[in-house]
């Protein structure tokens, strides 16, 4: 069934990016997964082709396009399982902070180089003792003349090993009540003295995506690198989370579709008891149910993409989509793995990787439990 949110120009863009991704990105995925990190040359190649910051303003080198073009990139990367190359994080989660809240000087210094792939972005929220509870962060930034003195640690930071510029969430006021009013955002360059990369963390899935600890040890951050006003960080974070969670839901439903398609191919070829396992009623019923749920999820996500492009406030709905679709992804990959039998447990079949990669989807960008809290609040509960 044709997805009505996309027109002819979107289809042409998808075909263009798919050709590029299959030629320039897909052959590198196995190496990234083995090394635990992507390579900088690929980021620059993606930037040179105009696929970074597609929604960024043209005056900085972006395409000035609307979000549907970004969604196409997320979906096509999910289709080839290029989870390591976190273009969605760089272009559609981190970069909007710089575009929306950056000063003219900050944009001039960083934005064009982010769009070219010279600068790779990350965002540092989570700490060892503070995940979904952002008000509980302990990283501090104390004003000292024309700099802030930053101390603290972050963990589970995607792009942590390869990033050049990090949006850091820190407390500039530890006495204010409620605590979230003391949060401020900073742009910290990776070569700043006192900025220390920790280890590249070993994970269950997403093997090619570098996920790191970061440390700030008397890290002197210029006042000119404060992003937005002091004490406004929590508000700015909340304003951008709608697109972040929509991005995750969109990529997640695309991953569901790829896992399902591969499983459909497998059950038609694999034989047991003298016939393809696709002939068994249990196989048919399970895949019929999963295919239906994928279509339901896709329809909902498409509706939200269209609303987001129109500029609507859909925090409740994207929270619904984020938890429902990522829960579906975890369940779908488990059931598809089961239909592969023993081969599903073998690394040579992609479904084993899909199963492992799905595990984190319900955790990051706000756990699914937090999504339900947001939904309940928006329902007036």
Protein backbone atom coordinates (compact mmCIF):
# COMPACT_ATOMS: atom_id res chain seq x y z
CA UNK A 1 0.00 0.00 0.00
CA UNK A 2 1.39 3.36 -1.01
CA UNK A 3 2.23 5.70 1.86
CA UNK A 4 0.24 8.85 1.18
CA UNK A 5 2.57 11.23 3.02
CA UNK A 6 5.18 10.94 0.26
CA UNK A 7 4.97 12.45 -3.22
CA UNK A 8 6.99 12.07 -6.39
CA UNK A 9 9.85 14.27 -5.20
CA UNK A 10 10.14 12.23 -2.01
CA UNK A 11 10.23 9.03 -4.04
CA UNK A 12 13.03 10.40 -6.21
CA UNK A 13 14.97 11.42 -3.12
CA UNK A 14 14.48 7.97 -1.59
CA UNK A 15 15.76 6.30 -4.74
CA UNK A 16 18.78 8.62 -4.80
CA UNK A 17 19.66 7.99 -1.15
CA UNK A 18 19.04 4.24 -1.47
CA UNK A 19 21.52 3.99 -4.34
CA UNK A 20 24.08 5.93 -2.33
CA UNK A 21 23.49 3.92 0.86
CA UNK A 22 23.77 0.56 -0.90
CA UNK A 23 26.98 1.59 -2.66
CA UNK A 24 28.77 3.67 -0.03
CA UNK A 25 27.37 2.62 3.37
CA UNK A 26 26.19 -0.99 3.29
CA UNK A 27 29.61 -2.50 2.36
CA UNK A 28 31.13 -0.92 5.51
CA UNK A 29 28.59 -2.14 8.08
CA UNK A 30 30.35 -5.42 8.92
CA UNK A 31 33.63 -3.60 9.56
CA UNK A 32 31.91 -1.01 11.76
CA UNK A 33 30.24 -3.75 13.76
CA UNK A 34 33.58 -5.48 14.23
CA UNK A 35 35.44 -2.30 15.27
CA UNK A 36 32.64 -0.75 17.31
CA UNK A 37 32.79 2.61 15.57
CA UNK A 38 32.17 4.22 12.18
CA UNK A 39 34.81 6.01 10.11
CA UNK A 40 35.07 9.73 9.62
CA UNK A 41 35.53 9.50 5.86
CA UNK A 42 32.03 8.07 5.46
CA UNK A 43 30.56 10.95 7.46
CA UNK A 44 32.32 13.43 5.18
CA UNK A 45 31.14 11.50 2.13
CA UNK A 46 27.54 11.61 3.36
CA UNK A 47 27.91 15.34 3.98
CA UNK A 48 29.40 15.97 0.55
CA UNK A 49 26.39 14.28 -1.05
CA UNK A 50 24.02 16.58 0.86
CA UNK A 51 22.52 13.95 3.17
CA UNK A 52 23.48 15.55 6.50
CA UNK A 53 21.28 18.31 7.87
CA UNK A 54 18.71 18.06 5.10
CA UNK A 55 16.30 20.23 7.12
CA UNK A 56 18.99 22.80 8.03
CA UNK A 57 18.91 26.29 6.46
CA UNK A 58 20.39 26.60 2.99
CA UNK A 59 22.63 29.52 3.99
CA UNK A 60 24.70 27.10 6.08
CA UNK A 61 24.80 24.39 3.41
CA UNK A 62 21.66 22.48 4.38
CA UNK A 63 18.91 21.57 1.95
CA UNK A 64 16.23 23.59 3.76
CA UNK A 65 13.89 20.62 3.29
CA UNK A 66 11.04 19.52 5.54
CA UNK A 67 11.16 16.57 7.92
CA UNK A 68 9.79 13.96 5.50
CA UNK A 69 13.15 13.95 3.71
CA UNK A 70 14.91 13.26 7.00
CA UNK A 71 12.44 10.45 7.70
CA UNK A 72 13.38 8.84 4.37
CA UNK A 73 17.03 8.77 5.43
CA UNK A 74 16.16 7.16 8.79
CA UNK A 75 14.08 4.51 7.05
CA UNK A 76 16.64 3.67 4.40
CA UNK A 77 19.43 3.33 6.96
CA UNK A 78 17.20 1.00 8.99
CA UNK A 79 16.45 -1.04 5.86
CA UNK A 80 20.15 -1.86 5.37
CA UNK A 81 20.72 -2.14 9.14
CA UNK A 82 23.20 0.76 9.18
CA UNK A 83 22.40 1.55 12.81
CA UNK A 84 26.03 2.47 13.47
CA UNK A 85 25.87 5.56 11.26
CA UNK A 86 23.74 7.73 13.51
CA UNK A 87 22.66 10.36 11.02
CA UNK A 88 19.35 10.73 12.83
CA UNK A 89 21.14 11.60 16.07
CA UNK A 90 23.51 14.01 14.35
CA UNK A 91 21.11 15.74 11.94
CA UNK A 92 17.68 15.47 13.50
CA UNK A 93 18.25 15.24 17.25
CA UNK A 94 21.42 17.26 17.94
CA UNK A 95 21.57 19.75 15.07
CA UNK A 96 18.11 21.25 15.75
CA UNK A 97 19.38 22.55 19.11
CA UNK A 98 22.08 24.53 17.34
CA UNK A 99 19.65 25.76 14.68
CA UNK A 100 16.91 26.75 17.14
CA UNK A 101 18.92 28.11 20.08
CA UNK A 102 22.41 28.82 18.81
CA UNK A 103 23.69 32.37 18.58
CA UNK A 104 24.70 33.79 15.21
CA UNK A 105 28.32 33.27 16.19
CA UNK A 106 27.73 29.64 17.22
CA UNK A 107 25.94 28.88 13.98
CA UNK A 108 28.72 30.52 11.97
CA UNK A 109 31.38 28.54 13.82
CA UNK A 110 29.78 25.11 13.75
CA UNK A 111 26.72 24.62 11.58
CA UNK A 112 28.25 24.49 8.09
CA UNK A 113 30.91 22.05 9.33
CA UNK A 114 28.21 19.86 10.92
CA UNK A 115 26.39 19.74 7.60
CA UNK A 116 29.58 18.90 5.68
CA UNK A 117 30.46 16.05 8.05
CA UNK A 118 33.61 17.74 9.33
CA UNK A 119 32.03 18.02 12.79
CA UNK A 120 30.15 15.04 14.27
CA UNK A 121 27.63 15.83 17.00
CA UNK A 122 26.58 14.10 20.21
CA UNK A 123 24.34 15.02 23.12
CA UNK A 124 25.27 14.19 26.72
CA UNK A 125 22.32 13.91 29.08
CA UNK A 126 22.51 10.55 30.86
CA UNK A 127 24.73 10.10 33.91
CA UNK A 128 25.66 7.03 35.96
CA UNK A 129 23.03 7.98 38.55
CA UNK A 130 20.56 9.94 36.39
CA UNK A 131 18.80 8.66 33.29
CA UNK A 132 15.17 9.52 32.73
CA UNK A 133 15.26 11.87 35.73
CA UNK A 134 17.09 14.78 34.14
CA UNK A 135 16.47 16.99 37.16
CA UNK A 136 18.76 14.65 39.08
CA UNK A 137 21.91 15.24 37.01
CA UNK A 138 25.08 16.03 38.96
CA UNK A 139 27.35 17.50 36.28
CA UNK A 140 28.01 21.09 37.31
CA UNK A 141 29.11 24.19 35.43
CA UNK A 142 30.13 27.05 37.71
CA UNK A 143 30.68 30.52 36.25
CA UNK A 144 34.32 31.60 36.56
CA UNK A 145 34.96 34.88 34.75
CA UNK A 146 34.36 34.43 31.02
CA UNK A 147 34.29 30.62 31.35
CA UNK A 148 32.28 27.96 33.11
CA UNK A 149 34.21 25.37 35.11
CA UNK A 150 32.54 22.04 34.30
CA UNK A 151 32.89 18.86 36.37
CA UNK A 152 30.98 15.61 36.14
CA UNK A 153 30.50 12.48 34.08
CA UNK A 154 28.12 11.16 31.45
CA UNK A 155 27.47 7.64 30.22
CA UNK A 156 25.76 5.78 27.37
CA UNK A 157 26.62 8.65 25.00
CA UNK A 158 26.10 7.70 21.36
CA UNK A 159 28.83 9.01 19.02
CA UNK A 160 30.92 9.48 22.17
CA UNK A 161 34.16 8.17 20.65
CA UNK A 162 33.90 9.97 17.34
CA UNK A 163 32.14 13.24 18.19
CA UNK A 164 33.78 16.65 17.78
CA UNK A 165 31.11 18.76 19.49
CA UNK A 166 28.89 17.69 22.38
CA UNK A 167 25.72 19.31 23.68
CA UNK A 168 26.21 18.87 27.42
CA UNK A 169 23.41 19.11 29.96
CA UNK A 170 24.75 20.55 33.24
CA UNK A 171 23.58 22.24 36.42
CA UNK A 172 24.49 25.91 36.75
CA UNK A 173 22.36 26.35 39.88
CA UNK A 174 22.13 23.54 42.42
CA UNK A 175 20.00 25.47 44.93
CA UNK A 176 16.97 26.37 42.83
CA UNK A 177 13.64 24.62 43.41
CA UNK A 178 12.36 22.82 41.41
CA UNK A 179 15.82 21.44 40.45
CA UNK A 180 15.22 21.40 36.69
CA UNK A 181 15.29 25.21 36.69
CA UNK A 182 19.01 25.04 37.29
CA UNK A 183 19.81 23.14 34.09
CA UNK A 184 21.75 24.80 31.25
CA UNK A 185 23.01 23.51 27.88
CA UNK A 186 26.58 23.93 26.64
CA UNK A 187 28.47 23.29 23.40
CA UNK A 188 31.70 21.56 24.39
CA UNK A 189 34.39 20.96 21.80
CA UNK A 190 36.08 17.59 22.11
CA UNK A 191 39.58 19.08 22.21
CA UNK A 192 38.74 21.31 25.20
CA UNK A 193 41.22 20.69 28.05
CA UNK A 194 39.46 18.70 30.76
CA UNK A 195 37.19 16.86 28.34
CA UNK A 196 38.05 13.15 28.56
CA UNK A 197 36.58 10.31 26.56
CA UNK A 198 36.06 7.14 28.55
CA UNK A 199 35.87 3.62 27.19
CA UNK A 200 33.76 2.54 24.25
CA UNK A 201 31.15 0.50 26.08
CA UNK A 202 30.46 -3.10 25.08
CA UNK A 203 26.77 -3.68 24.37
CA UNK A 204 24.24 -6.39 23.67
CA UNK A 205 23.37 -4.91 20.27
CA UNK A 206 24.08 -1.92 18.02
CA UNK A 207 27.64 -3.19 17.82
CA UNK A 208 28.92 -0.65 15.31
CA UNK A 209 27.58 2.35 17.20
CA UNK A 210 30.15 3.82 19.58
CA UNK A 211 28.60 4.38 23.00
CA UNK A 212 30.84 5.99 25.56
CA UNK A 213 31.53 7.39 28.95
CA UNK A 214 32.51 11.07 28.96
CA UNK A 215 34.25 12.94 31.78
CA UNK A 216 34.63 16.65 32.54
CA UNK A 217 37.52 17.43 34.83
CA UNK A 218 37.80 21.18 35.48
CA UNK A 219 36.77 21.58 31.85
CA UNK A 220 36.77 25.28 31.00
CA UNK A 221 33.88 26.06 28.65
CA UNK A 222 33.67 29.63 27.30
CA UNK A 223 30.54 31.59 28.17
CA UNK A 224 30.21 32.05 24.40
CA UNK A 225 29.54 28.30 24.17
CA UNK A 226 26.50 28.36 26.42
CA UNK A 227 23.52 27.26 24.32
CA UNK A 228 20.56 29.44 25.16
CA UNK A 229 20.10 31.25 28.43
CA UNK A 230 21.30 30.03 31.80
CA UNK A 231 18.66 27.95 33.58
CA UNK A 232 16.63 27.38 30.38
CA UNK A 233 18.14 24.00 29.49
CA UNK A 234 15.29 21.79 30.65
CA UNK A 235 12.77 23.86 28.72
CA UNK A 236 14.88 23.67 25.55
CA UNK A 237 15.26 19.91 25.91
CA UNK A 238 11.52 19.43 26.24
CA UNK A 239 10.89 21.49 23.12
CA UNK A 240 13.07 19.19 21.00
CA UNK A 241 12.00 15.80 22.36
CA UNK A 242 8.98 15.59 20.04
CA UNK A 243 11.21 15.23 16.97
CA UNK A 244 13.67 12.95 18.79
CA UNK A 245 10.97 10.44 19.70
CA UNK A 246 9.34 10.64 16.29
CA UNK A 247 12.72 9.90 14.70
CA UNK A 248 13.10 6.79 16.85
CA UNK A 249 9.56 5.58 16.12
CA UNK A 250 10.07 6.05 12.38
CA UNK A 251 13.36 4.14 12.30
CA UNK A 252 11.91 1.46 14.58
CA UNK A 253 8.91 0.69 12.36
CA UNK A 254 11.25 0.55 9.35
CA UNK A 255 13.39 -2.01 11.20
CA UNK A 256 10.25 -4.01 12.00
CA UNK A 257 9.39 -4.13 8.32
CA UNK A 258 12.85 -5.34 7.32
CA UNK A 259 12.83 -8.11 9.96
CA UNK A 260 9.38 -9.19 8.83
CA UNK A 261 10.31 -9.22 5.14
CA UNK A 262 13.39 -11.34 5.79
CA UNK A 263 11.35 -13.78 7.86
CA UNK A 264 8.72 -14.10 5.15
CA UNK A 265 11.47 -15.00 2.69
CA UNK A 266 12.97 -17.50 5.11
CA UNK A 267 9.76 -19.43 5.91
CA UNK A 268 9.01 -19.82 2.20
CA UNK A 269 12.38 -21.46 1.60
CA UNK A 270 12.93 -23.48 4.79
CA UNK A 271 11.36 -26.93 4.69
CA UNK A 272 10.28 -29.24 7.52
CA UNK A 273 8.18 -32.40 7.46
CA UNK A 274 8.29 -32.35 3.68
CA UNK A 275 6.90 -28.85 3.13
CA UNK A 276 7.87 -25.18 3.55
CA UNK A 277 7.30 -24.01 7.11
CA UNK A 278 5.23 -21.22 5.55
CA UNK A 279 2.58 -23.88 4.93
CA UNK A 280 1.99 -24.42 8.65
CA UNK A 281 -0.99 -22.61 10.08
CA UNK A 282 0.97 -21.43 13.12
CA UNK A 283 3.51 -19.73 10.84
CA UNK A 284 0.78 -18.12 8.77
CA UNK A 285 -1.16 -16.84 11.76
CA UNK A 286 1.89 -15.39 13.52
CA UNK A 287 3.12 -13.60 10.41
CA UNK A 288 -0.37 -12.39 9.52
CA UNK A 289 -0.68 -10.85 12.98
CA UNK A 290 2.78 -9.25 12.85
CA UNK A 291 2.22 -7.88 9.34
CA UNK A 292 -1.04 -6.32 10.52
CA UNK A 293 0.67 -4.68 13.49
CA UNK A 294 3.43 -3.29 11.28
CA UNK A 295 0.82 -1.68 9.02
CA UNK A 296 -0.98 -0.23 12.04
CA UNK A 297 2.27 1.16 13.40
CA UNK A 298 3.29 2.57 10.02
CA UNK A 299 -0.06 4.30 9.58
CA UNK A 300 0.22 5.93 13.00
CA UNK A 301 3.82 7.02 12.46
CA UNK A 302 2.97 8.45 9.03
CA UNK A 303 0.11 10.41 10.53
CA UNK A 304 2.51 11.87 13.13
CA UNK A 305 5.16 12.71 10.53
CA UNK A 306 2.53 14.67 8.58
CA UNK A 307 1.37 16.47 11.73
CA UNK A 308 4.96 17.28 12.71
CA UNK A 309 5.66 18.74 9.27
CA UNK A 310 2.55 20.93 9.72
CA UNK A 311 4.05 22.21 12.98
CA UNK A 312 1.50 20.65 15.32
CA UNK A 313 2.24 19.93 18.98
CA UNK A 314 1.96 16.13 19.26
CA UNK A 315 3.98 15.28 22.36
CA UNK A 316 1.34 12.88 23.65
CA UNK A 317 1.02 11.09 20.33
CA UNK A 318 4.77 10.73 19.66
CA UNK A 319 5.12 9.33 23.18
CA UNK A 320 2.45 6.78 22.27
CA UNK A 321 4.23 5.92 19.05
CA UNK A 322 7.64 5.66 20.68
CA UNK A 323 6.54 3.12 23.28
CA UNK A 324 4.14 1.14 21.09
CA UNK A 325 6.39 0.77 18.06
CA UNK A 326 9.57 -0.02 20.02
CA UNK A 327 7.69 -2.59 22.11
CA UNK A 328 6.42 -4.07 18.84
CA UNK A 329 9.98 -4.20 17.51
CA UNK A 330 11.16 -6.18 20.53
CA UNK A 331 8.27 -8.62 20.31
CA UNK A 332 8.37 -8.93 16.51
CA UNK A 333 12.09 -9.69 16.36
CA UNK A 334 11.64 -12.32 19.06
CA UNK A 335 8.82 -14.04 17.18
CA UNK A 336 10.66 -13.81 13.86
CA UNK A 337 13.75 -15.32 15.48
CA UNK A 338 11.58 -18.18 16.78
CA UNK A 339 10.33 -18.85 13.25
CA UNK A 340 13.93 -19.17 12.11
CA UNK A 341 14.42 -21.99 14.60
CA UNK A 342 18.02 -22.77 15.53
CA UNK A 343 19.28 -20.71 12.60
CA UNK A 344 17.77 -17.62 14.21
CA UNK A 345 20.26 -18.01 17.04
CA UNK A 346 23.17 -18.01 14.61
CA UNK A 347 24.93 -14.73 13.82
CA UNK A 348 24.99 -15.53 10.10
CA UNK A 349 21.26 -14.75 9.97
CA UNK A 350 20.47 -11.03 10.39
CA UNK A 351 17.44 -11.70 12.60
CA UNK A 352 19.79 -12.51 15.51
CA UNK A 353 21.26 -9.01 15.23
CA UNK A 354 17.81 -7.49 14.84
CA UNK A 355 16.76 -9.17 18.08
CA UNK A 356 19.76 -7.78 19.97
CA UNK A 357 19.48 -4.31 18.42
CA UNK A 358 15.81 -4.05 19.37
CA UNK A 359 16.47 -4.41 23.09
CA UNK A 360 17.54 -0.81 23.65
CA UNK A 361 14.74 0.83 21.67
CA UNK A 362 12.37 0.89 24.65
CA UNK A 363 15.08 2.34 26.91
CA UNK A 364 16.82 5.27 25.26
CA UNK A 365 15.35 8.69 24.41
CA UNK A 366 13.18 8.29 27.49
CA UNK A 367 12.19 4.84 28.64
CA UNK A 368 8.81 3.51 27.59
CA UNK A 369 7.70 3.78 31.20
CA UNK A 370 8.39 7.51 31.02
CA UNK A 371 6.43 7.65 27.75
CA UNK A 372 3.42 6.25 29.59
CA UNK A 373 3.85 8.84 32.37
CA UNK A 374 3.81 11.60 29.74
CA UNK A 375 0.73 10.14 28.07
CA UNK A 376 -1.07 9.87 31.41
CA UNK A 377 -0.24 13.47 32.27
CA UNK A 378 -1.52 14.67 28.90
CA UNK A 379 -4.73 12.73 29.56
CA UNK A 380 -5.18 14.78 32.71
CA UNK A 381 -4.36 11.91 35.08
